[in-house]
């Protein structure tokens, strides 16, 4: 399939051919959701922790007599029901990471990119370079492209000038194409990508992968006499 290529003034100047395997993948909501949740879980530190009633510092003295006060029975000051007491069933450090096979991750990224193309949220730019930090130039580009909402600017390798030009714009970020993931793709409403970055994405994920030797092994089994 072909995608229109625009300049920073919003004018269509050419087209770029992209792989249907990457940019025309059928929608797979459950897979995309699983990939995004796994990536978010893998970013969690898991260091949250509270003290139980056995870990808080307090006196072991019983606060009041068991009977005779007319009030509820009460033990020591570590009771979870008291202010300053321990926490019952609270969070403790643990590993939140989720494993997702490589093929599923790559397929989820293709699904996310294809969904952006179908909904018209991907814009290919001929040249995204800036000579110096210039936030005004990026704002003018976003206005010319009629970008509404959050935006992710993708290049092969964002320069320091481009990062400094983008960092002051709310809900706008930049990243390298090789670091693209389902989470970043779905988090931003609009994807603005350079022509060279599109070609790199096509090169990285434009061909289906298979386990080495598996296909040849199946051919040998099919050709062997019964």
C-alpha atoms as a PDB file:
ATOM      1  CA  UNK A   1       0.000   0.000   0.000  1.00  0.00           C
ATOM      2  CA  UNK A   2       1.029   3.631  -0.483  1.00  0.00           C
ATOM      3  CA  UNK A   3       0.951   6.436   2.077  1.00  0.00           C
ATOM      4  CA  UNK A   4       1.007  10.131   1.237  1.00  0.00           C
ATOM      5  CA  UNK A   5       4.199  11.940   2.180  1.00  0.00           C
ATOM      6  CA  UNK A   6       3.873  15.568   3.240  1.00  0.00           C
ATOM      7  CA  UNK A   7       6.265  18.377   3.980  1.00  0.00           C
ATOM      8  CA  UNK A   8       6.229  20.402   7.195  1.00  0.00           C
ATOM      9  CA  UNK A   9       3.823  22.859   5.549  1.00  0.00           C
ATOM     10  CA  UNK A  10       1.192  20.120   5.201  1.00  0.00           C
ATOM     11  CA  UNK A  11       1.497  19.768   1.412  1.00  0.00           C
ATOM     12  CA  UNK A  12       1.520  16.323  -0.221  1.00  0.00           C
ATOM     13  CA  UNK A  13       4.822  16.008  -2.078  1.00  0.00           C
ATOM     14  CA  UNK A  14       5.119  12.263  -2.775  1.00  0.00           C
ATOM     15  CA  UNK A  15       4.031   8.795  -1.706  1.00  0.00           C
ATOM     16  CA  UNK A  16       5.889   6.033   0.082  1.00  0.00           C
ATOM     17  CA  UNK A  17       5.242   2.334  -0.412  1.00  0.00           C
ATOM     18  CA  UNK A  18       4.803   0.372   2.807  1.00  0.00           C
ATOM     19  CA  UNK A  19       4.240  -3.280   3.582  1.00  0.00           C
ATOM     20  CA  UNK A  20       0.677  -4.506   4.034  1.00  0.00           C
ATOM     21  CA  UNK A  21       2.097  -6.959   6.563  1.00  0.00           C
ATOM     22  CA  UNK A  22       2.887  -4.032   8.878  1.00  0.00           C
ATOM     23  CA  UNK A  23       0.326  -1.354   8.023  1.00  0.00           C
ATOM     24  CA  UNK A  24      -2.723  -3.412   6.956  1.00  0.00           C
ATOM     25  CA  UNK A  25      -2.944  -5.966   9.756  1.00  0.00           C
ATOM     26  CA  UNK A  26      -6.523  -6.854  10.831  1.00  0.00           C
ATOM     27  CA  UNK A  27      -7.632  -5.482  14.187  1.00  0.00           C
ATOM     28  CA  UNK A  28      -6.999  -7.788  17.157  1.00  0.00           C
ATOM     29  CA  UNK A  29      -8.231  -6.020  20.279  1.00  0.00           C
ATOM     30  CA  UNK A  30      -7.494  -8.776  22.830  1.00  0.00           C
ATOM     31  CA  UNK A  31      -3.896  -9.134  21.609  1.00  0.00           C
ATOM     32  CA  UNK A  32      -3.309  -5.374  21.658  1.00  0.00           C
ATOM     33  CA  UNK A  33      -4.783  -5.096  25.151  1.00  0.00           C
ATOM     34  CA  UNK A  34      -2.631  -7.972  26.396  1.00  0.00           C
ATOM     35  CA  UNK A  35       0.534  -6.377  24.991  1.00  0.00           C
ATOM     36  CA  UNK A  36      -0.211  -2.949  26.485  1.00  0.00           C
ATOM     37  CA  UNK A  37      -1.075  -4.382  29.918  1.00  0.00           C
ATOM     38  CA  UNK A  38       2.094  -6.511  29.892  1.00  0.00           C
ATOM     39  CA  UNK A  39       4.267  -3.520  29.009  1.00  0.00           C
ATOM     40  CA  UNK A  40       2.696  -1.389  31.731  1.00  0.00           C
ATOM     41  CA  UNK A  41       3.142  -4.201  34.260  1.00  0.00           C
ATOM     42  CA  UNK A  42       6.808  -4.617  33.314  1.00  0.00           C
ATOM     43  CA  UNK A  43       7.422  -0.942  34.090  1.00  0.00           C
ATOM     44  CA  UNK A  44       6.169  -1.288  37.649  1.00  0.00           C
ATOM     45  CA  UNK A  45       8.851  -1.323  40.325  1.00  0.00           C
ATOM     46  CA  UNK A  46       6.833  -3.398  42.758  1.00  0.00           C
ATOM     47  CA  UNK A  47       8.506  -1.799  45.795  1.00  0.00           C
ATOM     48  CA  UNK A  48       5.283  -0.782  47.563  1.00  0.00           C
ATOM     49  CA  UNK A  49       5.163  -2.115  51.109  1.00  0.00           C
ATOM     50  CA  UNK A  50       3.298  -1.604  54.391  1.00  0.00           C
ATOM     51  CA  UNK A  51       3.919  -2.871  57.914  1.00  0.00           C
ATOM     52  CA  UNK A  52       1.838  -5.599  59.446  1.00  0.00           C
ATOM     53  CA  UNK A  53       0.830  -5.561  63.107  1.00  0.00           C
ATOM     54  CA  UNK A  54       3.900  -7.642  63.851  1.00  0.00           C
ATOM     55  CA  UNK A  55       6.215  -5.058  62.270  1.00  0.00           C
ATOM     56  CA  UNK A  56       4.930  -1.788  63.732  1.00  0.00           C
ATOM     57  CA  UNK A  57       6.571  -0.516  66.924  1.00  0.00           C
ATOM     58  CA  UNK A  58       4.114  -0.498  69.812  1.00  0.00           C
ATOM     59  CA  UNK A  59       3.632  -1.671  73.368  1.00  0.00           C
ATOM     60  CA  UNK A  60       2.325  -5.167  73.897  1.00  0.00           C
ATOM     61  CA  UNK A  61       0.174  -3.930  76.763  1.00  0.00           C
ATOM     62  CA  UNK A  62      -3.523  -4.602  76.431  1.00  0.00           C
ATOM     63  CA  UNK A  63      -5.209  -1.221  75.989  1.00  0.00           C
ATOM     64  CA  UNK A  64      -8.175  -1.918  78.286  1.00  0.00           C
ATOM     65  CA  UNK A  65      -9.681  -4.725  80.266  1.00  0.00           C
ATOM     66  CA  UNK A  66     -11.314  -7.534  78.397  1.00  0.00           C
ATOM     67  CA  UNK A  67     -14.590  -7.149  80.281  1.00  0.00           C
ATOM     68  CA  UNK A  68     -16.417  -4.552  82.285  1.00  0.00           C
ATOM     69  CA  UNK A  69     -15.979  -1.429  80.143  1.00  0.00           C
ATOM     70  CA  UNK A  70     -19.045  -2.072  78.025  1.00  0.00           C
ATOM     71  CA  UNK A  71     -16.977  -1.464  74.900  1.00  0.00           C
ATOM     72  CA  UNK A  72     -15.590  -3.831  72.300  1.00  0.00           C
ATOM     73  CA  UNK A  73     -12.736  -6.166  73.116  1.00  0.00           C
ATOM     74  CA  UNK A  74      -9.378  -4.640  72.239  1.00  0.00           C
ATOM     75  CA  UNK A  75      -5.832  -5.943  72.327  1.00  0.00           C
ATOM     76  CA  UNK A  76      -2.578  -4.030  71.882  1.00  0.00           C
ATOM     77  CA  UNK A  77      -1.868  -0.855  69.891  1.00  0.00           C
ATOM     78  CA  UNK A  78      -0.837  -2.810  66.796  1.00  0.00           C
ATOM     79  CA  UNK A  79      -4.453  -3.643  66.032  1.00  0.00           C
ATOM     80  CA  UNK A  80      -5.135  -2.889  62.318  1.00  0.00           C
ATOM     81  CA  UNK A  81      -8.333  -1.131  63.324  1.00  0.00           C
ATOM     82  CA  UNK A  82      -6.477   1.536  65.286  1.00  0.00           C
ATOM     83  CA  UNK A  83      -4.648   4.614  64.096  1.00  0.00           C
ATOM     84  CA  UNK A  84      -0.930   3.817  63.992  1.00  0.00           C
ATOM     85  CA  UNK A  85      -1.574   0.092  63.971  1.00  0.00           C
ATOM     86  CA  UNK A  86      -0.482  -2.408  61.360  1.00  0.00           C
ATOM     87  CA  UNK A  87      -2.144  -2.925  57.985  1.00  0.00           C
ATOM     88  CA  UNK A  88      -4.020  -6.134  57.304  1.00  0.00           C
ATOM     89  CA  UNK A  89      -3.605  -7.705  53.856  1.00  0.00           C
ATOM     90  CA  UNK A  90      -1.642  -4.699  52.569  1.00  0.00           C
ATOM     91  CA  UNK A  91       0.757  -4.608  49.586  1.00  0.00           C
ATOM     92  CA  UNK A  92       4.263  -6.053  49.837  1.00  0.00           C
ATOM     93  CA  UNK A  93       7.167  -6.068  47.342  1.00  0.00           C
ATOM     94  CA  UNK A  94       6.558  -8.449  44.452  1.00  0.00           C
ATOM     95  CA  UNK A  95       7.307  -8.916  40.785  1.00  0.00           C
ATOM     96  CA  UNK A  96       4.555  -7.589  38.510  1.00  0.00           C
ATOM     97  CA  UNK A  97       6.252  -8.525  35.224  1.00  0.00           C
ATOM     98  CA  UNK A  98       4.348 -10.441  32.564  1.00  0.00           C
ATOM     99  CA  UNK A  99       6.012 -12.465  29.854  1.00  0.00           C
ATOM    100  CA  UNK A 100       4.812 -11.945  26.292  1.00  0.00           C
ATOM    101  CA  UNK A 101       6.324 -13.935  23.389  1.00  0.00           C
ATOM    102  CA  UNK A 102       8.282 -11.945  20.807  1.00  0.00           C
ATOM    103  CA  UNK A 103       5.901 -12.812  17.983  1.00  0.00           C
ATOM    104  CA  UNK A 104       2.914 -11.597  19.975  1.00  0.00           C
ATOM    105  CA  UNK A 105       4.680  -8.307  20.781  1.00  0.00           C
ATOM    106  CA  UNK A 106       5.554  -7.721  17.143  1.00  0.00           C
ATOM    107  CA  UNK A 107       2.079  -8.647  15.971  1.00  0.00           C
ATOM    108  CA  UNK A 108       0.553  -6.269  18.528  1.00  0.00           C
ATOM    109  CA  UNK A 109       2.725  -3.430  17.198  1.00  0.00           C
ATOM    110  CA  UNK A 110       1.607  -4.165  13.631  1.00  0.00           C
ATOM    111  CA  UNK A 111      -2.025  -4.183  14.790  1.00  0.00           C
ATOM    112  CA  UNK A 112      -1.554  -0.804  16.509  1.00  0.00           C
ATOM    113  CA  UNK A 113       0.128   0.780  13.471  1.00  0.00           C
ATOM    114  CA  UNK A 114      -2.497  -0.618  11.096  1.00  0.00           C
ATOM    115  CA  UNK A 115      -5.304   0.750  13.257  1.00  0.00           C
ATOM    116  CA  UNK A 116      -3.702   4.214  13.145  1.00  0.00           C
ATOM    117  CA  UNK A 117      -3.503   4.036   9.345  1.00  0.00           C
ATOM    118  CA  UNK A 118      -7.138   2.932   8.989  1.00  0.00           C
ATOM    119  CA  UNK A 119      -8.333   5.819  11.155  1.00  0.00           C
ATOM    120  CA  UNK A 120      -6.114   8.408   9.460  1.00  0.00           C
ATOM    121  CA  UNK A 121      -3.947   9.099  12.495  1.00  0.00           C
ATOM    122  CA  UNK A 122      -0.563   8.467  10.823  1.00  0.00           C
ATOM    123  CA  UNK A 123       1.133  11.283   8.917  1.00  0.00           C
ATOM    124  CA  UNK A 124       4.349  10.671   6.981  1.00  0.00           C
ATOM    125  CA  UNK A 125       6.710  13.651   6.719  1.00  0.00           C
ATOM    126  CA  UNK A 126       9.390  13.928   4.042  1.00  0.00           C
ATOM    127  CA  UNK A 127      11.920  15.593   6.354  1.00  0.00           C
ATOM    128  CA  UNK A 128      11.581  16.134  10.110  1.00  0.00           C
ATOM    129  CA  UNK A 129      14.951  17.726  10.772  1.00  0.00           C
ATOM    130  CA  UNK A 130      15.407  21.077  12.526  1.00  0.00           C
ATOM    131  CA  UNK A 131      18.575  23.171  12.395  1.00  0.00           C
ATOM    132  CA  UNK A 132      18.208  24.461  15.958  1.00  0.00           C
ATOM    133  CA  UNK A 133      15.802  24.147  18.884  1.00  0.00           C
ATOM    134  CA  UNK A 134      12.657  25.789  17.555  1.00  0.00           C
ATOM    135  CA  UNK A 135       9.367  25.074  19.296  1.00  0.00           C
ATOM    136  CA  UNK A 136       7.556  27.559  17.064  1.00  0.00           C
ATOM    137  CA  UNK A 137       8.471  25.578  13.926  1.00  0.00           C
ATOM    138  CA  UNK A 138       7.053  22.362  15.410  1.00  0.00           C
ATOM    139  CA  UNK A 139       3.860  24.147  16.494  1.00  0.00           C
ATOM    140  CA  UNK A 140       3.438  25.553  12.984  1.00  0.00           C
ATOM    141  CA  UNK A 141       3.930  22.059  11.545  1.00  0.00           C
ATOM    142  CA  UNK A 142       1.279  20.588  13.863  1.00  0.00           C
ATOM    143  CA  UNK A 143      -1.103  23.370  12.873  1.00  0.00           C
ATOM    144  CA  UNK A 144      -0.435  22.871   9.146  1.00  0.00           C
ATOM    145  CA  UNK A 145      -1.026  19.122   9.483  1.00  0.00           C
ATOM    146  CA  UNK A 146      -4.256  19.807  11.422  1.00  0.00           C
ATOM    147  CA  UNK A 147      -3.142  17.627  14.315  1.00  0.00           C
ATOM    148  CA  UNK A 148      -5.751  17.474  17.072  1.00  0.00           C
ATOM    149  CA  UNK A 149      -4.892  15.896  20.414  1.00  0.00           C
ATOM    150  CA  UNK A 150      -1.715  14.179  21.550  1.00  0.00           C
ATOM    151  CA  UNK A 151       1.067  13.428  19.074  1.00  0.00           C
ATOM    152  CA  UNK A 152       4.112  11.177  18.890  1.00  0.00           C
ATOM    153  CA  UNK A 153       6.888  12.277  16.524  1.00  0.00           C
ATOM    154  CA  UNK A 154       8.969   9.340  15.292  1.00  0.00           C
ATOM    155  CA  UNK A 155      12.317   9.561  13.500  1.00  0.00           C
ATOM    156  CA  UNK A 156      15.158   7.111  12.963  1.00  0.00           C
ATOM    157  CA  UNK A 157      17.191   8.860  15.669  1.00  0.00           C
ATOM    158  CA  UNK A 158      15.756  12.053  17.208  1.00  0.00           C
ATOM    159  CA  UNK A 159      18.372  14.785  17.436  1.00  0.00           C
ATOM    160  CA  UNK A 160      18.865  16.871  20.552  1.00  0.00           C
ATOM    161  CA  UNK A 161      17.522  19.906  18.683  1.00  0.00           C
ATOM    162  CA  UNK A 162      14.297  18.050  17.855  1.00  0.00           C
ATOM    163  CA  UNK A 163      13.844  16.848  21.439  1.00  0.00           C
ATOM    164  CA  UNK A 164      14.329  20.357  22.792  1.00  0.00           C
ATOM    165  CA  UNK A 165      11.873  21.706  20.215  1.00  0.00           C
ATOM    166  CA  UNK A 166       9.180  19.230  21.255  1.00  0.00           C
ATOM    167  CA  UNK A 167       9.597  19.021  25.025  1.00  0.00           C
ATOM    168  CA  UNK A 168       7.750  22.298  25.737  1.00  0.00           C
ATOM    169  CA  UNK A 169       4.654  21.248  23.762  1.00  0.00           C
ATOM    170  CA  UNK A 170       1.961  19.598  25.918  1.00  0.00           C
ATOM    171  CA  UNK A 171       0.964  16.015  25.040  1.00  0.00           C
ATOM    172  CA  UNK A 172       3.697  15.785  22.405  1.00  0.00           C
ATOM    173  CA  UNK A 173       6.756  13.553  22.510  1.00  0.00           C
ATOM    174  CA  UNK A 174       9.426  12.123  20.233  1.00  0.00           C
ATOM    175  CA  UNK A 175      11.173   8.776  20.029  1.00  0.00           C
ATOM    176  CA  UNK A 176      13.293   6.571  17.773  1.00  0.00           C
ATOM    177  CA  UNK A 177      11.504   4.167  15.430  1.00  0.00           C
ATOM    178  CA  UNK A 178      13.445   1.136  16.684  1.00  0.00           C
ATOM    179  CA  UNK A 179      12.054   1.737  20.205  1.00  0.00           C
ATOM    180  CA  UNK A 180       8.431   1.857  19.079  1.00  0.00           C
ATOM    181  CA  UNK A 181       6.053  -0.340  21.077  1.00  0.00           C
ATOM    182  CA  UNK A 182       2.291  -0.983  21.279  1.00  0.00           C
ATOM    183  CA  UNK A 183       2.021   1.157  24.427  1.00  0.00           C
ATOM    184  CA  UNK A 184       3.565   4.288  22.877  1.00  0.00           C
ATOM    185  CA  UNK A 185       1.635   3.749  19.635  1.00  0.00           C
ATOM    186  CA  UNK A 186      -1.753   3.546  21.341  1.00  0.00           C
ATOM    187  CA  UNK A 187      -1.067   6.203  23.992  1.00  0.00           C
ATOM    188  CA  UNK A 188      -0.747   9.000  21.418  1.00  0.00           C
ATOM    189  CA  UNK A 189      -3.703   9.813  19.203  1.00  0.00           C
ATOM    190  CA  UNK A 190      -1.588  10.993  16.253  1.00  0.00           C
ATOM    191  CA  UNK A 191       1.620   9.508  14.867  1.00  0.00           C
ATOM    192  CA  UNK A 192       3.900  11.827  12.883  1.00  0.00           C
ATOM    193  CA  UNK A 193       6.668   9.796  11.326  1.00  0.00           C
ATOM    194  CA  UNK A 194       9.528  10.620   8.998  1.00  0.00           C
ATOM    195  CA  UNK A 195       9.873   8.838   5.674  1.00  0.00           C
ATOM    196  CA  UNK A 196      13.154   7.213   6.715  1.00  0.00           C
ATOM    197  CA  UNK A 197      11.549   5.969   9.940  1.00  0.00           C
ATOM    198  CA  UNK A 198       8.747   4.331   7.928  1.00  0.00           C
ATOM    199  CA  UNK A 199      11.333   2.565   5.809  1.00  0.00           C
ATOM    200  CA  UNK A 200      13.159   1.383   8.940  1.00  0.00           C
ATOM    201  CA  UNK A 201       9.923   0.051  10.460  1.00  0.00           C
ATOM    202  CA  UNK A 202       9.212  -1.784   7.215  1.00  0.00           C
ATOM    203  CA  UNK A 203      12.699  -3.262   7.324  1.00  0.00           C
ATOM    204  CA  UNK A 204      12.443  -4.309  10.982  1.00  0.00           C
ATOM    205  CA  UNK A 205       8.931  -5.761  11.051  1.00  0.00           C
ATOM    206  CA  UNK A 206       7.943  -6.042   7.391  1.00  0.00           C
ATOM    207  CA  UNK A 207       8.626  -9.746   6.981  1.00  0.00           C
ATOM    208  CA  UNK A 208       7.112 -12.669   8.909  1.00  0.00           C
ATOM    209  CA  UNK A 209       9.620 -14.658  10.941  1.00  0.00           C
ATOM    210  CA  UNK A 210       9.727 -18.412  11.451  1.00  0.00           C
ATOM    211  CA  UNK A 211      11.841 -20.736  13.523  1.00  0.00           C
ATOM    212  CA  UNK A 212      14.987 -21.751  11.586  1.00  0.00           C
ATOM    213  CA  UNK A 213      14.792 -25.193  10.111  1.00  0.00           C
ATOM    214  CA  UNK A 214      11.133 -25.720  10.943  1.00  0.00           C
ATOM    215  CA  UNK A 215       9.796 -25.266   7.408  1.00  0.00           C
ATOM    216  CA  UNK A 216      12.481 -27.459   5.847  1.00  0.00           C
ATOM    217  CA  UNK A 217      11.834 -30.136   8.467  1.00  0.00           C
ATOM    218  CA  UNK A 218       8.124 -30.150   7.603  1.00  0.00           C
ATOM    219  CA  UNK A 219       8.933 -30.430   3.890  1.00  0.00           C
ATOM    220  CA  UNK A 220      11.167 -33.419   4.548  1.00  0.00           C
ATOM    221  CA  UNK A 221       8.428 -35.105   6.596  1.00  0.00           C
ATOM    222  CA  UNK A 222       5.861 -34.464   3.861  1.00  0.00           C
ATOM    223  CA  UNK A 223       8.158 -35.928   1.203  1.00  0.00           C
ATOM    224  CA  UNK A 224       9.216 -38.996   3.144  1.00  0.00           C
ATOM    225  CA  UNK A 225       7.555 -42.316   2.206  1.00  0.00           C
ATOM    226  CA  UNK A 226       4.784 -43.525   4.493  1.00  0.00           C
END
